[in-house]
Amino acid sequence: MTHTKQQQIQWVLASDIDNTLTGDSQALLRLGRQLAELRAQGRLALFLTTGRTLQETLTGFERENIPQADAIITQVGTEIYLPPFSAGMQPLQEWADRLHRQYSRQQAVSFLSNIDGAVLQADRYNTSLKASFYLDKAPNPARAAELVQQRVAAAGDSYQVVWSSGKHLDILPAAAGKANAVRFLIHHLQLAPQQVIAAGDSGNDRSMLVGLDYGIVVGNAQPELKEMQADPPAQLYFAQQPFAAGVAEGLRQLGVL
């Protein structure tokens, strides 16, 4: 992104990938073409914010028609990558250093001790800055997640719990997460957008949906997001359409498309 384009940016779109962009390949192709045009004009910067690994995201560019991006935020906001993207590249060191100051993976894992049914996720989703578990085998997953949240809260303010889709639980540094990573990147890249727009479908998107200027909740969103419709924050738009069509619907509502 050139300095001139940085100054022209009107919108930053921070979008989740799985079940937000993906899910309807034709809708994603249409949205991808529209986003590519806005990026080429220097009017929009696209940040992909995902629970995926970098390699899974790069594969998605090739096999799933995921739109090319100006930044990739992976592992639920604990790793940031800037172009040119390549397999095996290292995440942005400045962000990693900031997060490591207050995080002990050993302590993070200990919050799940004696939680019946807690299963550690695959190694690729567990890093020095992220402890990730499945809780869908617990007798009462929601109650198990609540107990972990109580333990984390009692330990101070160095950690946060991200609970999503009724089964995924991540323990991250308090300074991490999708919204904090997006804010850091905007400052790091010296952008001054008129609007920062988030799009997502599950609990690990909540921080950016409610914490940035505007949020688009796609029509196929998980219950933990749809429940906010009962008393919706003013900046949230609940799309009728699912997946990428829902993102496009929200962007039209905001005057981006």
Protein backbone atom coordinates (compact mmCIF):
# COMPACT_ATOMS: atom_id res chain seq x y z
CA MET A 1 0.00 0.00 0.00
CA THR A 2 1.57 3.28 -1.12
CA HIS A 3 1.62 6.41 1.03
CA THR A 4 -0.82 8.07 -1.38
CA LYS A 5 -3.26 5.19 -1.03
CA GLN A 6 -2.87 5.28 2.75
CA GLN A 7 -4.06 8.88 2.70
CA GLN A 8 -7.00 8.09 0.38
CA ILE A 9 -8.42 5.21 2.42
CA GLN A 10 -12.05 5.86 3.28
CA TRP A 11 -12.89 2.49 4.80
CA VAL A 12 -11.15 -0.34 6.56
CA LEU A 13 -13.08 -3.60 6.33
CA ALA A 14 -12.00 -6.13 8.96
CA SER A 15 -13.68 -9.38 8.01
CA ASP A 16 -13.68 -12.85 9.47
CA ILE A 17 -13.21 -15.62 6.91
CA ASP A 18 -14.99 -18.87 7.81
CA ASN A 19 -18.78 -18.69 7.51
CA THR A 20 -18.53 -14.93 7.02
CA LEU A 21 -16.79 -14.69 3.65
CA THR A 22 -16.93 -18.41 2.89
CA GLY A 23 -20.08 -20.51 2.58
CA ASP A 24 -21.43 -19.27 -0.76
CA SER A 25 -18.76 -19.37 -3.46
CA GLN A 26 -20.68 -17.30 -6.01
CA ALA A 27 -21.52 -14.57 -3.53
CA LEU A 28 -17.86 -14.50 -2.48
CA LEU A 29 -16.72 -14.12 -6.10
CA ARG A 30 -19.05 -11.15 -6.57
CA LEU A 31 -17.98 -9.51 -3.32
CA GLY A 32 -14.33 -10.21 -4.07
CA ARG A 33 -14.54 -8.35 -7.38
CA GLN A 34 -16.17 -5.36 -5.68
CA LEU A 35 -13.59 -5.25 -2.91
CA ALA A 36 -10.74 -5.59 -5.41
CA GLU A 37 -12.04 -2.57 -7.32
CA LEU A 38 -12.28 -0.46 -4.16
CA ARG A 39 -8.77 -1.51 -3.12
CA ALA A 40 -7.40 -0.69 -6.59
CA GLN A 41 -8.95 2.78 -6.29
CA GLY A 42 -7.25 3.22 -2.93
CA ARG A 43 -10.57 3.73 -1.16
CA LEU A 44 -10.68 0.57 0.98
CA ALA A 45 -8.20 -1.52 2.96
CA LEU A 46 -9.14 -5.13 3.65
CA PHE A 47 -7.93 -6.83 6.83
CA LEU A 48 -8.71 -10.55 7.09
CA THR A 49 -9.29 -11.40 10.76
CA THR A 50 -9.47 -15.12 11.39
CA GLY A 51 -8.94 -18.06 13.69
CA ARG A 52 -7.09 -19.77 10.84
CA THR A 53 -3.35 -20.15 10.61
CA LEU A 54 -1.42 -18.16 8.04
CA GLN A 55 -0.96 -21.23 5.83
CA GLU A 56 -4.68 -22.01 5.87
CA THR A 57 -5.39 -18.44 4.86
CA LEU A 58 -2.87 -18.51 2.01
CA THR A 59 -4.39 -21.77 0.80
CA GLY A 60 -7.76 -20.05 0.89
CA PHE A 61 -6.52 -17.41 -1.56
CA GLU A 62 -5.80 -20.20 -4.05
CA ARG A 63 -8.63 -22.65 -3.44
CA GLU A 64 -11.54 -20.67 -1.99
CA ASN A 65 -11.28 -17.34 -3.82
CA ILE A 66 -10.76 -15.47 -0.58
CA PRO A 67 -10.06 -11.85 -1.59
CA GLN A 68 -6.51 -10.56 -1.51
CA ALA A 69 -5.91 -8.41 1.54
CA ASP A 70 -3.80 -5.56 2.89
CA ALA A 71 -3.18 -7.45 6.15
CA ILE A 72 -3.92 -10.83 7.67
CA ILE A 73 -4.72 -11.16 11.37
CA THR A 74 -4.62 -14.83 12.33
CA GLN A 75 -5.03 -17.04 15.40
CA VAL A 76 -7.91 -14.90 16.79
CA GLY A 77 -5.91 -11.68 16.81
CA THR A 78 -2.60 -12.93 18.18
CA GLU A 79 -0.59 -12.84 14.93
CA ILE A 80 -0.38 -10.10 12.27
CA TYR A 81 1.08 -10.48 8.78
CA LEU A 82 1.73 -7.79 6.19
CA PRO A 83 2.33 -8.27 2.44
CA PRO A 84 4.04 -9.68 0.53
CA PHE A 85 2.59 -12.86 2.05
CA SER A 86 4.46 -16.15 1.84
CA ALA A 87 4.41 -19.53 3.53
CA GLY A 88 6.64 -19.66 6.58
CA MET A 89 6.91 -15.90 7.02
CA GLN A 90 7.14 -14.56 10.55
CA PRO A 91 4.38 -12.51 12.18
CA LEU A 92 4.87 -8.83 12.90
CA GLN A 93 7.40 -8.72 15.72
CA GLU A 94 6.20 -5.47 17.26
CA TRP A 95 2.75 -6.96 17.90
CA ALA A 96 4.17 -10.23 19.21
CA ASP A 97 6.47 -8.42 21.62
CA ARG A 98 3.58 -6.39 22.98
CA LEU A 99 1.51 -9.50 23.67
CA HIS A 100 4.31 -11.57 25.19
CA ARG A 101 4.82 -9.00 27.95
CA GLN A 102 1.80 -10.21 29.91
CA TYR A 103 1.19 -13.80 28.83
CA SER A 104 2.24 -17.16 30.18
CA ARG A 105 1.01 -20.09 28.12
CA GLN A 106 1.55 -22.42 31.07
CA GLN A 107 -0.79 -20.35 33.22
CA ALA A 108 -3.28 -20.03 30.37
CA VAL A 109 -3.50 -23.82 30.04
CA SER A 110 -3.86 -24.19 33.81
CA PHE A 111 -7.20 -22.39 33.72
CA LEU A 112 -8.64 -25.53 32.08
CA SER A 113 -7.35 -27.97 34.70
CA ASN A 114 -10.00 -30.42 35.91
CA ILE A 115 -12.56 -29.15 33.40
CA ASP A 116 -14.37 -32.33 32.42
CA GLY A 117 -14.49 -32.82 28.66
CA ALA A 118 -11.99 -30.08 27.75
CA VAL A 119 -9.89 -31.18 24.77
CA LEU A 120 -6.81 -29.33 23.53
CA GLN A 121 -7.12 -28.32 19.89
CA ALA A 122 -4.56 -29.35 17.26
CA ASP A 123 -1.00 -28.10 17.70
CA ARG A 124 -1.31 -25.64 14.82
CA TYR A 125 -3.98 -23.73 16.77
CA ASN A 126 -1.97 -23.64 19.98
CA THR A 127 0.87 -21.15 20.03
CA SER A 128 2.98 -19.31 22.57
CA LEU A 129 0.24 -16.65 22.62
CA LYS A 130 -2.91 -18.75 22.38
CA ALA A 131 -4.28 -21.71 24.33
CA SER A 132 -7.18 -23.27 22.43
CA PHE A 133 -9.59 -25.98 23.54
CA TYR A 134 -12.77 -27.72 22.46
CA LEU A 135 -15.49 -27.80 25.11
CA ASP A 136 -18.28 -29.49 23.15
CA LYS A 137 -17.55 -32.78 24.94
CA ALA A 138 -18.13 -31.19 28.35
CA PRO A 139 -21.38 -32.21 30.11
CA ASN A 140 -22.45 -28.54 29.96
CA PRO A 141 -20.18 -26.58 27.58
CA ALA A 142 -21.62 -23.17 28.44
CA ARG A 143 -21.23 -23.80 32.16
CA ALA A 144 -17.66 -25.06 31.63
CA ALA A 145 -16.82 -21.88 29.68
CA GLU A 146 -18.33 -19.76 32.45
CA LEU A 147 -16.16 -21.52 35.04
CA VAL A 148 -13.03 -20.87 32.97
CA GLN A 149 -14.03 -17.21 32.64
CA GLN A 150 -14.38 -16.97 36.42
CA ARG A 151 -10.92 -18.47 36.92
CA VAL A 152 -9.38 -16.09 34.42
CA ALA A 153 -11.09 -13.08 35.99
CA ALA A 154 -9.82 -14.07 39.44
CA ALA A 155 -6.25 -14.22 38.10
CA GLY A 156 -6.12 -10.52 37.21
CA ASP A 157 -6.21 -8.59 33.97
CA SER A 158 -3.52 -10.31 31.89
CA TYR A 159 -5.80 -12.77 30.08
CA GLN A 160 -9.06 -12.89 28.18
CA VAL A 161 -11.40 -15.73 27.26
CA VAL A 162 -12.95 -15.99 23.80
CA TRP A 163 -15.91 -18.39 23.65
CA SER A 164 -17.52 -19.08 20.29
CA SER A 165 -19.81 -21.43 18.39
CA GLY A 166 -20.71 -23.35 21.53
CA LYS A 167 -17.46 -25.30 21.44
CA HIS A 168 -14.30 -23.22 20.84
CA LEU A 169 -12.56 -21.65 23.81
CA ASP A 170 -9.38 -19.58 23.48
CA ILE A 171 -7.32 -17.96 26.22
CA LEU A 172 -5.41 -14.99 24.84
CA PRO A 173 -3.41 -12.08 26.19
CA ALA A 174 -5.76 -9.34 27.35
CA ALA A 175 -4.18 -7.00 24.78
CA ALA A 176 -4.86 -9.41 21.89
CA GLY A 177 -8.07 -10.21 20.06
CA LYS A 178 -9.40 -9.13 16.71
CA ALA A 179 -10.48 -5.58 17.63
CA ASN A 180 -7.20 -4.72 19.35
CA ALA A 181 -5.21 -6.11 16.42
CA VAL A 182 -7.23 -4.02 13.96
CA ARG A 183 -6.68 -0.84 16.00
CA PHE A 184 -2.95 -1.57 16.25
CA LEU A 185 -2.70 -2.09 12.48
CA ILE A 186 -4.52 1.13 11.63
CA HIS A 187 -2.02 3.02 13.79
CA HIS A 188 0.94 0.98 12.51
CA LEU A 189 0.03 1.62 8.87
CA GLN A 190 -0.77 5.29 9.57
CA LEU A 191 -4.27 5.04 8.16
CA ALA A 192 -7.02 7.57 8.87
CA PRO A 193 -10.18 5.92 7.56
CA GLN A 194 -13.57 7.57 7.84
CA GLN A 195 -15.07 4.27 9.00
CA VAL A 196 -13.74 0.98 10.33
CA ILE A 197 -16.21 -1.78 9.56
CA ALA A 198 -16.15 -5.31 10.96
CA ALA A 199 -17.94 -8.39 9.63
CA GLY A 200 -18.36 -11.67 11.45
CA ASP A 201 -20.49 -14.64 12.41
CA SER A 202 -19.38 -15.93 15.83
CA GLY A 203 -18.23 -15.07 19.32
CA ASN A 204 -14.59 -14.59 18.40
CA ASP A 205 -15.73 -11.69 16.18
CA ARG A 206 -17.67 -9.97 18.96
CA SER A 207 -14.84 -7.68 20.09
CA MET A 208 -14.50 -6.07 16.67
CA LEU A 209 -18.22 -6.06 15.88
CA VAL A 210 -19.03 -4.00 18.98
CA GLY A 211 -15.64 -2.31 19.44
CA LEU A 212 -15.09 -0.72 16.03
CA ASP A 213 -17.15 1.93 14.20
CA TYR A 214 -19.63 -0.44 12.57
CA GLY A 215 -20.32 -4.16 12.65
CA ILE A 216 -22.03 -6.43 10.12
CA VAL A 217 -23.47 -9.63 11.56
CA VAL A 218 -24.14 -12.04 8.70
CA GLY A 219 -27.50 -13.81 8.50
CA ASN A 220 -26.05 -17.21 9.39
CA ALA A 221 -24.43 -15.95 12.61
CA GLN A 222 -24.09 -18.12 15.68
CA PRO A 223 -26.59 -17.74 18.57
CA GLU A 224 -24.09 -15.81 20.71
CA LEU A 225 -24.27 -12.97 18.18
CA LYS A 226 -27.92 -13.24 17.21
CA GLU A 227 -28.92 -12.88 20.84
CA MET A 228 -27.71 -9.26 20.64
CA GLN A 229 -30.70 -8.48 18.40
CA ALA A 230 -32.83 -8.28 21.54
CA ASP A 231 -31.03 -5.07 22.51
CA PRO A 232 -28.74 -4.29 19.58
CA PRO A 233 -25.87 -1.82 19.85
CA ALA A 234 -26.48 1.12 17.54
CA GLN A 235 -23.44 0.36 15.37
CA LEU A 236 -24.51 -3.21 14.51
CA TYR A 237 -26.27 -4.19 11.30
CA PHE A 238 -27.89 -7.63 11.27
CA ALA A 239 -27.92 -8.80 7.67
CA GLN A 240 -30.71 -10.97 6.31
CA GLN A 241 -28.41 -12.68 3.82
CA PRO A 242 -25.83 -15.29 4.90
CA PHE A 243 -22.08 -15.48 4.28
CA ALA A 244 -20.50 -13.09 1.74
CA ALA A 245 -23.93 -11.95 0.55
CA GLY A 246 -24.58 -10.73 4.09
CA VAL A 247 -21.30 -8.82 4.13
CA ALA A 248 -22.24 -7.19 0.81
CA GLU A 249 -25.69 -6.35 2.16
CA GLY A 250 -24.15 -4.60 5.15
CA LEU A 251 -21.66 -2.71 3.00
CA ARG A 252 -24.49 -1.49 0.77
CA GLN A 253 -26.36 -0.34 3.86
CA LEU A 254 -23.29 1.69 4.88
CA GLY A 255 -22.80 3.19 1.43
CA VAL A 256 -19.56 1.35 0.68
CA LEU A 257 -20.92 -0.63 -2.28
